């Protein structure tokens, strides 16, 4: 039997995942597991807080969605009511 050398196979070096990509996958996996464990252990607290979510969303929607209540900053009208 002969030993075959495949180091030059394909004419290009082998490329693997970078260290940052591996660390990112490990971090995502850790966060998913930690989130699942926290949810199962504190389910009553989380579900109890979900009842308050619509009430807490109202001020945030009011702040971000109303756009300043008619204060049109880009409007170039004069104060006498004429357009120019």
PDB file of N, CA and C in Angstrom:
ATOM      1  N   UNK A   1       0.828  -1.171   0.000  1.00  0.00           N
ATOM      2  CA  UNK A   1       0.000   0.000   0.000  1.00  0.00           C
ATOM      3  C   UNK A   1       0.878   1.241   0.000  1.00  0.00           C
ATOM      4  N   UNK A   2       0.358   2.261  -0.615  1.00  0.00           N
ATOM      5  CA  UNK A   2       1.109   3.506  -0.653  1.00  0.00           C
ATOM      6  C   UNK A   2       0.357   4.589   0.121  1.00  0.00           C
ATOM      7  N   UNK A   3       1.137   5.501   0.670  1.00  0.00           N
ATOM      8  CA  UNK A   3       0.552   6.610   1.397  1.00  0.00           C
ATOM      9  C   UNK A   3       0.360   7.760   0.416  1.00  0.00           C
ATOM     10  N   UNK A   4      -0.854   8.287   0.380  1.00  0.00           N
ATOM     11  CA  UNK A   4      -1.139   9.373  -0.558  1.00  0.00           C
ATOM     12  C   UNK A   4      -1.110  10.708   0.166  1.00  0.00           C
ATOM     13  N   UNK A   5      -0.563  11.700  -0.493  1.00  0.00           N
ATOM     14  CA  UNK A   5      -0.491  13.046   0.070  1.00  0.00           C
ATOM     15  C   UNK A   5      -1.565  13.899  -0.584  1.00  0.00           C
ATOM     16  N   UNK A   6      -2.543  14.350   0.211  1.00  0.00           N
ATOM     17  CA  UNK A   6      -3.645  15.164  -0.322  1.00  0.00           C
ATOM     18  C   UNK A   6      -3.505  16.636   0.057  1.00  0.00           C
ATOM     19  N   UNK A   7      -2.314  17.051   0.485  1.00  0.00           N
ATOM     20  CA  UNK A   7      -2.161  18.431   0.914  1.00  0.00           C
ATOM     21  C   UNK A   7      -2.322  19.414  -0.237  1.00  0.00           C
ATOM     22  N   UNK A   8      -2.003  19.025  -1.433  1.00  0.00           N
ATOM     23  CA  UNK A   8      -2.139  19.920  -2.573  1.00  0.00           C
ATOM     24  C   UNK A   8      -3.431  19.705  -3.331  1.00  0.00           C
ATOM     25  N   UNK A   9      -4.356  18.973  -2.767  1.00  0.00           N
ATOM     26  CA  UNK A   9      -5.609  18.639  -3.448  1.00  0.00           C
ATOM     27  C   UNK A   9      -6.451  19.893  -3.662  1.00  0.00           C
ATOM     28  N   UNK A  10      -6.832  20.167  -4.866  1.00  0.00           N
ATOM     29  CA  UNK A  10      -7.690  21.294  -5.193  1.00  0.00           C
ATOM     30  C   UNK A  10      -6.910  22.567  -5.461  1.00  0.00           C
ATOM     31  N   UNK A  11      -5.658  22.624  -5.129  1.00  0.00           N
ATOM     32  CA  UNK A  11      -4.841  23.771  -5.447  1.00  0.00           C
ATOM     33  C   UNK A  11      -5.056  24.989  -4.559  1.00  0.00           C
ATOM     34  N   UNK A  12      -5.813  24.879  -3.498  1.00  0.00           N
ATOM     35  CA  UNK A  12      -6.025  26.020  -2.599  1.00  0.00           C
ATOM     36  C   UNK A  12      -5.956  25.543  -1.151  1.00  0.00           C
ATOM     37  N   UNK A  13      -5.556  26.417  -0.264  1.00  0.00           N
ATOM     38  CA  UNK A  13      -5.484  26.014   1.148  1.00  0.00           C
ATOM     39  C   UNK A  13      -6.883  25.858   1.743  1.00  0.00           C
ATOM     40  N   UNK A  14      -6.976  25.018   2.743  1.00  0.00           N
ATOM     41  CA  UNK A  14      -8.267  24.798   3.382  1.00  0.00           C
ATOM     42  C   UNK A  14      -8.622  26.006   4.230  1.00  0.00           C
ATOM     43  N   UNK A  15      -9.895  26.405   4.130  1.00  0.00           N
ATOM     44  CA  UNK A  15     -10.364  27.544   4.896  1.00  0.00           C
ATOM     45  C   UNK A  15     -11.355  27.058   5.940  1.00  0.00           C
ATOM     46  N   UNK A  16     -11.181  27.509   7.156  1.00  0.00           N
ATOM     47  CA  UNK A  16     -12.091  27.153   8.234  1.00  0.00           C
ATOM     48  C   UNK A  16     -12.746  28.400   8.785  1.00  0.00           C
ATOM     49  N   UNK A  17     -13.490  28.213   9.835  1.00  0.00           N
ATOM     50  CA  UNK A  17     -14.138  29.345  10.481  1.00  0.00           C
ATOM     51  C   UNK A  17     -13.107  30.147  11.258  1.00  0.00           C
ATOM     52  N   UNK A  18     -13.283  31.446  11.262  1.00  0.00           N
ATOM     53  CA  UNK A  18     -12.369  32.292  12.022  1.00  0.00           C
ATOM     54  C   UNK A  18     -12.660  32.147  13.515  1.00  0.00           C
ATOM     55  N   UNK A  19     -11.743  32.639  14.306  1.00  0.00           N
ATOM     56  CA  UNK A  19     -11.901  32.563  15.757  1.00  0.00           C
ATOM     57  C   UNK A  19     -13.092  33.395  16.218  1.00  0.00           C
ATOM     58  N   UNK A  20     -13.320  34.554  15.572  1.00  0.00           N
ATOM     59  CA  UNK A  20     -14.454  35.395  15.940  1.00  0.00           C
ATOM     60  C   UNK A  20     -15.778  34.702  15.632  1.00  0.00           C
ATOM     61  N   UNK A  21     -15.833  34.002  14.514  1.00  0.00           N
ATOM     62  CA  UNK A  21     -17.066  33.297  14.156  1.00  0.00           C
ATOM     63  C   UNK A  21     -17.349  32.169  15.143  1.00  0.00           C
ATOM     64  N   UNK A  22     -16.319  31.451  15.543  1.00  0.00           N
ATOM     65  CA  UNK A  22     -16.495  30.382  16.522  1.00  0.00           C
ATOM     66  C   UNK A  22     -16.943  30.952  17.869  1.00  0.00           C
ATOM     67  N   UNK A  23     -16.317  32.059  18.268  1.00  0.00           N
ATOM     68  CA  UNK A  23     -16.685  32.691  19.541  1.00  0.00           C
ATOM     69  C   UNK A  23     -18.117  33.201  19.482  1.00  0.00           C
ATOM     70  N   UNK A  24     -18.531  33.719  18.333  1.00  0.00           N
ATOM     71  CA  UNK A  24     -19.907  34.187  18.174  1.00  0.00           C
ATOM     72  C   UNK A  24     -20.914  33.054  18.290  1.00  0.00           C
ATOM     73  N   UNK A  25     -20.598  31.912  17.695  1.00  0.00           N
ATOM     74  CA  UNK A  25     -21.490  30.758  17.800  1.00  0.00           C
ATOM     75  C   UNK A  25     -21.585  30.258  19.238  1.00  0.00           C
ATOM     76  N   UNK A  26     -20.470  30.233  19.929  1.00  0.00           N
ATOM     77  CA  UNK A  26     -20.473  29.812  21.332  1.00  0.00           C
ATOM     78  C   UNK A  26     -21.302  30.781  22.163  1.00  0.00           C
ATOM     79  N   UNK A  27     -21.151  32.079  21.915  1.00  0.00           N
ATOM     80  CA  UNK A  27     -21.910  33.081  22.649  1.00  0.00           C
ATOM     81  C   UNK A  27     -23.408  32.945  22.389  1.00  0.00           C
ATOM     82  N   UNK A  28     -23.795  32.756  21.145  1.00  0.00           N
ATOM     83  CA  UNK A  28     -25.212  32.584  20.819  1.00  0.00           C
ATOM     84  C   UNK A  28     -25.767  31.344  21.499  1.00  0.00           C
ATOM     85  N   UNK A  29     -25.016  30.249  21.454  1.00  0.00           N
ATOM     86  CA  UNK A  29     -25.461  29.026  22.124  1.00  0.00           C
ATOM     87  C   UNK A  29     -25.619  29.216  23.617  1.00  0.00           C
ATOM     88  N   UNK A  30     -24.662  29.900  24.243  1.00  0.00           N
ATOM     89  CA  UNK A  30     -24.746  30.177  25.668  1.00  0.00           C
ATOM     90  C   UNK A  30     -25.963  31.032  25.993  1.00  0.00           C
ATOM     91  N   UNK A  31     -26.210  32.074  25.197  1.00  0.00           N
ATOM     92  CA  UNK A  31     -27.350  32.953  25.454  1.00  0.00           C
ATOM     93  C   UNK A  31     -28.687  32.234  25.281  1.00  0.00           C
ATOM     94  N   UNK A  32     -28.771  31.342  24.310  1.00  0.00           N
ATOM     95  CA  UNK A  32     -30.011  30.579  24.112  1.00  0.00           C
ATOM     96  C   UNK A  32     -30.262  29.660  25.306  1.00  0.00           C
ATOM     97  N   UNK A  33     -29.229  28.960  25.748  1.00  0.00           N
ATOM     98  CA  UNK A  33     -29.386  28.056  26.894  1.00  0.00           C
ATOM     99  C   UNK A  33     -29.707  28.842  28.158  1.00  0.00           C
ATOM    100  N   UNK A  34     -29.000  29.948  28.390  1.00  0.00           N
ATOM    101  CA  UNK A  34     -29.247  30.766  29.578  1.00  0.00           C
ATOM    102  C   UNK A  34     -30.663  31.343  29.551  1.00  0.00           C
ATOM    103  N   UNK A  35     -31.112  31.803  28.384  1.00  0.00           N
ATOM    104  CA  UNK A  35     -32.465  32.340  28.272  1.00  0.00           C
ATOM    105  C   UNK A  35     -33.519  31.284  28.538  1.00  0.00           C
ATOM    106  N   UNK A  36     -33.304  30.076  28.012  1.00  0.00           N
ATOM    107  CA  UNK A  36     -34.267  29.002  28.243  1.00  0.00           C
ATOM    108  C   UNK A  36     -34.327  28.629  29.726  1.00  0.00           C
ATOM    109  N   UNK A  37     -33.165  28.546  30.375  1.00  0.00           N
ATOM    110  CA  UNK A  37     -33.153  28.207  31.797  1.00  0.00           C
ATOM    111  C   UNK A  37     -33.788  29.313  32.643  1.00  0.00           C
ATOM    112  N   UNK A  38     -33.485  30.560  32.324  1.00  0.00           N
ATOM    113  CA  UNK A  38     -34.091  31.662  33.067  1.00  0.00           C
ATOM    114  C   UNK A  38     -35.606  31.692  32.888  1.00  0.00           C
ATOM    115  N   UNK A  39     -36.066  31.430  31.674  1.00  0.00           N
ATOM    116  CA  UNK A  39     -37.508  31.441  31.437  1.00  0.00           C
ATOM    117  C   UNK A  39     -38.199  30.313  32.197  1.00  0.00           C
ATOM    118  N   UNK A  40     -37.617  29.123  32.185  1.00  0.00           N
ATOM    119  CA  UNK A  40     -38.271  28.016  32.880  1.00  0.00           C
ATOM    120  C   UNK A  40     -38.281  28.214  34.395  1.00  0.00           C
ATOM    121  N   UNK A  41     -37.229  28.832  34.930  1.00  0.00           N
ATOM    122  CA  UNK A  41     -37.162  29.037  36.371  1.00  0.00           C
ATOM    123  C   UNK A  41     -38.006  30.220  36.837  1.00  0.00           C
ATOM    124  N   UNK A  42     -38.187  31.199  35.985  1.00  0.00           N
ATOM    125  CA  UNK A  42     -38.876  32.424  36.380  1.00  0.00           C
ATOM    126  C   UNK A  42     -40.117  32.679  35.525  1.00  0.00           C
ATOM    127  N   UNK A  43     -40.756  31.616  35.094  1.00  0.00           N
ATOM    128  CA  UNK A  43     -41.911  31.726  34.205  1.00  0.00           C
ATOM    129  C   UNK A  43     -43.031  32.553  34.822  1.00  0.00           C
ATOM    130  N   UNK A  44     -43.301  32.383  36.085  1.00  0.00           N
ATOM    131  CA  UNK A  44     -44.386  33.128  36.739  1.00  0.00           C
ATOM    132  C   UNK A  44     -44.092  34.619  36.746  1.00  0.00           C
ATOM    133  N   UNK A  45     -42.847  34.989  36.979  1.00  0.00           N
ATOM    134  CA  UNK A  45     -42.485  36.401  36.989  1.00  0.00           C
ATOM    135  C   UNK A  45     -42.582  37.006  35.594  1.00  0.00           C
ATOM    136  N   UNK A  46     -42.087  36.267  34.603  1.00  0.00           N
ATOM    137  CA  UNK A  46     -42.097  36.773  33.225  1.00  0.00           C
ATOM    138  C   UNK A  46     -43.516  36.929  32.729  1.00  0.00           C
ATOM    139  N   UNK A  47     -44.351  35.929  32.948  1.00  0.00           N
ATOM    140  CA  UNK A  47     -45.735  36.010  32.475  1.00  0.00           C
ATOM    141  C   UNK A  47     -46.510  37.075  33.236  1.00  0.00           C
ATOM    142  N   UNK A  48     -46.175  37.303  34.490  1.00  0.00           N
ATOM    143  CA  UNK A  48     -46.818  38.369  35.249  1.00  0.00           C
ATOM    144  C   UNK A  48     -46.452  39.743  34.716  1.00  0.00           C
ATOM    145  N   UNK A  49     -45.205  39.905  34.259  1.00  0.00           N
ATOM    146  CA  UNK A  49     -44.786  41.182  33.691  1.00  0.00           C
ATOM    147  C   UNK A  49     -45.363  41.416  32.302  1.00  0.00           C
ATOM    148  N   UNK A  50     -45.682  40.348  31.592  1.00  0.00           N
ATOM    149  CA  UNK A  50     -46.268  40.509  30.259  1.00  0.00           C
ATOM    150  C   UNK A  50     -47.624  41.202  30.311  1.00  0.00           C
ATOM    151  N   UNK A  51     -48.313  41.090  31.442  1.00  0.00           N
ATOM    152  CA  UNK A  51     -49.595  41.778  31.575  1.00  0.00           C
ATOM    153  C   UNK A  51     -49.429  43.293  31.552  1.00  0.00           C
ATOM    154  N   UNK A  52     -48.290  43.789  32.025  1.00  0.00           N
ATOM    155  CA  UNK A  52     -48.024  45.223  32.068  1.00  0.00           C
ATOM    156  C   UNK A  52     -47.432  45.759  30.772  1.00  0.00           C
ATOM    157  N   UNK A  53     -47.066  44.890  29.837  1.00  0.00           N
ATOM    158  CA  UNK A  53     -46.409  45.315  28.612  1.00  0.00           C
ATOM    159  C   UNK A  53     -47.239  46.294  27.784  1.00  0.00           C
ATOM    160  N   UNK A  54     -48.543  46.063  27.558  1.00  0.00           N
ATOM    161  CA  UNK A  54     -49.312  47.054  26.789  1.00  0.00           C
ATOM    162  C   UNK A  54     -49.360  48.424  27.462  1.00  0.00           C
ATOM    163  N   UNK A  55     -49.451  48.438  28.776  1.00  0.00           N
ATOM    164  CA  UNK A  55     -49.485  49.712  29.488  1.00  0.00           C
ATOM    165  C   UNK A  55     -48.144  50.440  29.379  1.00  0.00           C
ATOM    166  N   UNK A  56     -47.052  49.707  29.432  1.00  0.00           N
ATOM    167  CA  UNK A  56     -45.740  50.324  29.305  1.00  0.00           C
ATOM    168  C   UNK A  56     -45.441  50.728  27.867  1.00  0.00           C
ATOM    169  N   UNK A  57     -46.075  50.078  26.905  1.00  0.00           N
ATOM    170  CA  UNK A  57     -45.842  50.405  25.502  1.00  0.00           C
ATOM    171  C   UNK A  57     -46.497  51.720  25.114  1.00  0.00           C
ATOM    172  N   UNK A  58     -47.549  52.131  25.812  1.00  0.00           N
ATOM    173  CA  UNK A  58     -48.266  53.359  25.460  1.00  0.00           C
ATOM    174  C   UNK A  58     -47.370  54.602  25.508  1.00  0.00           C
ATOM    175  N   UNK A  59     -46.623  54.847  26.573  1.00  0.00           N
ATOM    176  CA  UNK A  59     -45.777  56.042  26.567  1.00  0.00           C
ATOM    177  C   UNK A  59     -44.685  55.997  25.492  1.00  0.00           C
ATOM    178  N   UNK A  60     -44.152  54.807  25.248  1.00  0.00           N
ATOM    179  CA  UNK A  60     -43.117  54.697  24.221  1.00  0.00           C
ATOM    180  C   UNK A  60     -43.682  54.967  22.833  1.00  0.00           C
ATOM    181  N   UNK A  61     -44.857  54.426  22.548  1.00  0.00           N
ATOM    182  CA  UNK A  61     -45.485  54.693  21.248  1.00  0.00           C
ATOM    183  C   UNK A  61     -45.835  56.168  21.130  1.00  0.00           C
ATOM    184  N   UNK A  62     -46.311  56.774  22.200  1.00  0.00           N
ATOM    185  CA  UNK A  62     -46.652  58.181  22.186  1.00  0.00           C
ATOM    186  C   UNK A  62     -45.418  59.027  21.888  1.00  0.00           C
ATOM    187  N   UNK A  63     -44.318  58.685  22.508  1.00  0.00           N
ATOM    188  CA  UNK A  63     -43.089  59.455  22.338  1.00  0.00           C
ATOM    189  C   UNK A  63     -42.511  59.308  20.934  1.00  0.00           C
ATOM    190  N   UNK A  64     -42.469  58.084  20.414  1.00  0.00           N
ATOM    191  CA  UNK A  64     -41.789  57.836  19.145  1.00  0.00           C
ATOM    192  C   UNK A  64     -42.685  57.973  17.917  1.00  0.00           C
ATOM    193  N   UNK A  65     -43.986  57.822  18.047  1.00  0.00           N
ATOM    194  CA  UNK A  65     -44.837  57.760  16.858  1.00  0.00           C
ATOM    195  C   UNK A  65     -45.573  59.056  16.556  1.00  0.00           C
ATOM    196  N   UNK A  66     -45.700  59.958  17.499  1.00  0.00           N
ATOM    197  CA  UNK A  66     -46.452  61.175  17.225  1.00  0.00           C
ATOM    198  C   UNK A  66     -45.630  62.205  16.463  1.00  0.00           C
ATOM    199  N   UNK A  67     -44.359  62.149  16.513  1.00  0.00           N
ATOM    200  CA  UNK A  67     -43.521  63.048  15.736  1.00  0.00           C
ATOM    201  C   UNK A  67     -43.563  64.489  16.183  1.00  0.00           C
ATOM    202  N   UNK A  68     -43.807  64.774  17.413  1.00  0.00           N
ATOM    203  CA  UNK A  68     -43.709  66.124  17.923  1.00  0.00           C
ATOM    204  C   UNK A  68     -45.001  66.910  17.931  1.00  0.00           C
ATOM    205  N   UNK A  69     -46.137  66.313  17.679  1.00  0.00           N
ATOM    206  CA  UNK A  69     -47.448  66.974  17.751  1.00  0.00           C
ATOM    207  C   UNK A  69     -47.531  68.233  16.899  1.00  0.00           C
ATOM    208  N   UNK A  70     -47.202  68.132  15.626  1.00  0.00           N
ATOM    209  CA  UNK A  70     -47.393  69.254  14.726  1.00  0.00           C
ATOM    210  C   UNK A  70     -46.241  70.224  14.654  1.00  0.00           C
ATOM    211  N   UNK A  71     -45.179  69.988  15.326  1.00  0.00           N
ATOM    212  CA  UNK A  71     -44.008  70.855  15.225  1.00  0.00           C
ATOM    213  C   UNK A  71     -43.205  70.418  14.012  1.00  0.00           C
ATOM    214  N   UNK A  72     -43.601  70.925  12.863  1.00  0.00           N
ATOM    215  CA  UNK A  72     -42.958  70.532  11.605  1.00  0.00           C
ATOM    216  C   UNK A  72     -41.686  71.340  11.435  1.00  0.00           C
ATOM    217  N   UNK A  73     -40.583  70.732  11.707  1.00  0.00           N
ATOM    218  CA  UNK A  73     -39.311  71.437  11.683  1.00  0.00           C
ATOM    219  C   UNK A  73     -38.886  71.805  10.271  1.00  0.00           C
ATOM    220  N   UNK A  74     -39.330  71.057   9.279  1.00  0.00           N
ATOM    221  CA  UNK A  74     -38.928  71.343   7.907  1.00  0.00           C
ATOM    222  C   UNK A  74     -39.869  72.293   7.200  1.00  0.00           C
ATOM    223  N   UNK A  75     -40.921  72.763   7.858  1.00  0.00           N
ATOM    224  CA  UNK A  75     -41.910  73.638   7.245  1.00  0.00           C
ATOM    225  C   UNK A  75     -41.367  75.063   7.213  1.00  0.00           C
ATOM    226  N   UNK A  76     -41.464  75.726   6.038  1.00  0.00           N
ATOM    227  CA  UNK A  76     -40.871  77.045   5.860  1.00  0.00           C
ATOM    228  C   UNK A  76     -41.953  78.127   5.798  1.00  0.00           C
ATOM    229  N   UNK A  77     -43.124  77.895   6.313  1.00  0.00           N
ATOM    230  CA  UNK A  77     -44.203  78.878   6.264  1.00  0.00           C
ATOM    231  C   UNK A  77     -43.953  80.001   7.269  1.00  0.00           C
ATOM    232  N   UNK A  78     -44.401  81.177   6.926  1.00  0.00           N
ATOM    233  CA  UNK A  78     -44.256  82.295   7.849  1.00  0.00           C
ATOM    234  C   UNK A  78     -45.403  82.285   8.849  1.00  0.00           C
ATOM    235  N   UNK A  79     -45.303  83.103   9.879  1.00  0.00           N
ATOM    236  CA  UNK A  79     -46.287  83.098  10.953  1.00  0.00           C
ATOM    237  C   UNK A  79     -47.586  83.803  10.579  1.00  0.00           C
ATOM    238  N   UNK A  80     -47.642  84.558   9.450  1.00  0.00           N
ATOM    239  CA  UNK A  80     -48.858  85.266   9.083  1.00  0.00           C
ATOM    240  C   UNK A  80     -49.824  84.409   8.285  1.00  0.00           C
ATOM    241  N   UNK A  81     -49.514  83.149   8.039  1.00  0.00           N
ATOM    242  CA  UNK A  81     -50.436  82.248   7.367  1.00  0.00           C
ATOM    243  C   UNK A  81     -50.218  82.128   5.875  1.00  0.00           C
ATOM    244  N   UNK A  82     -49.474  83.058   5.262  1.00  0.00           N
ATOM    245  CA  UNK A  82     -49.189  82.942   3.833  1.00  0.00           C
ATOM    246  C   UNK A  82     -48.100  81.892   3.624  1.00  0.00           C
ATOM    247  N   UNK A  83     -48.165  81.207   2.545  1.00  0.00           N
ATOM    248  CA  UNK A  83     -47.215  80.121   2.274  1.00  0.00           C
ATOM    249  C   UNK A  83     -45.783  80.580   2.101  1.00  0.00           C
ATOM    250  N   UNK A  84     -45.558  81.823   1.692  1.00  0.00           N
ATOM    251  CA  UNK A  84     -44.183  82.263   1.421  1.00  0.00           C
ATOM    252  C   UNK A  84     -43.746  83.340   2.309  1.00  0.00           C
TER     253      UNK A  84
END
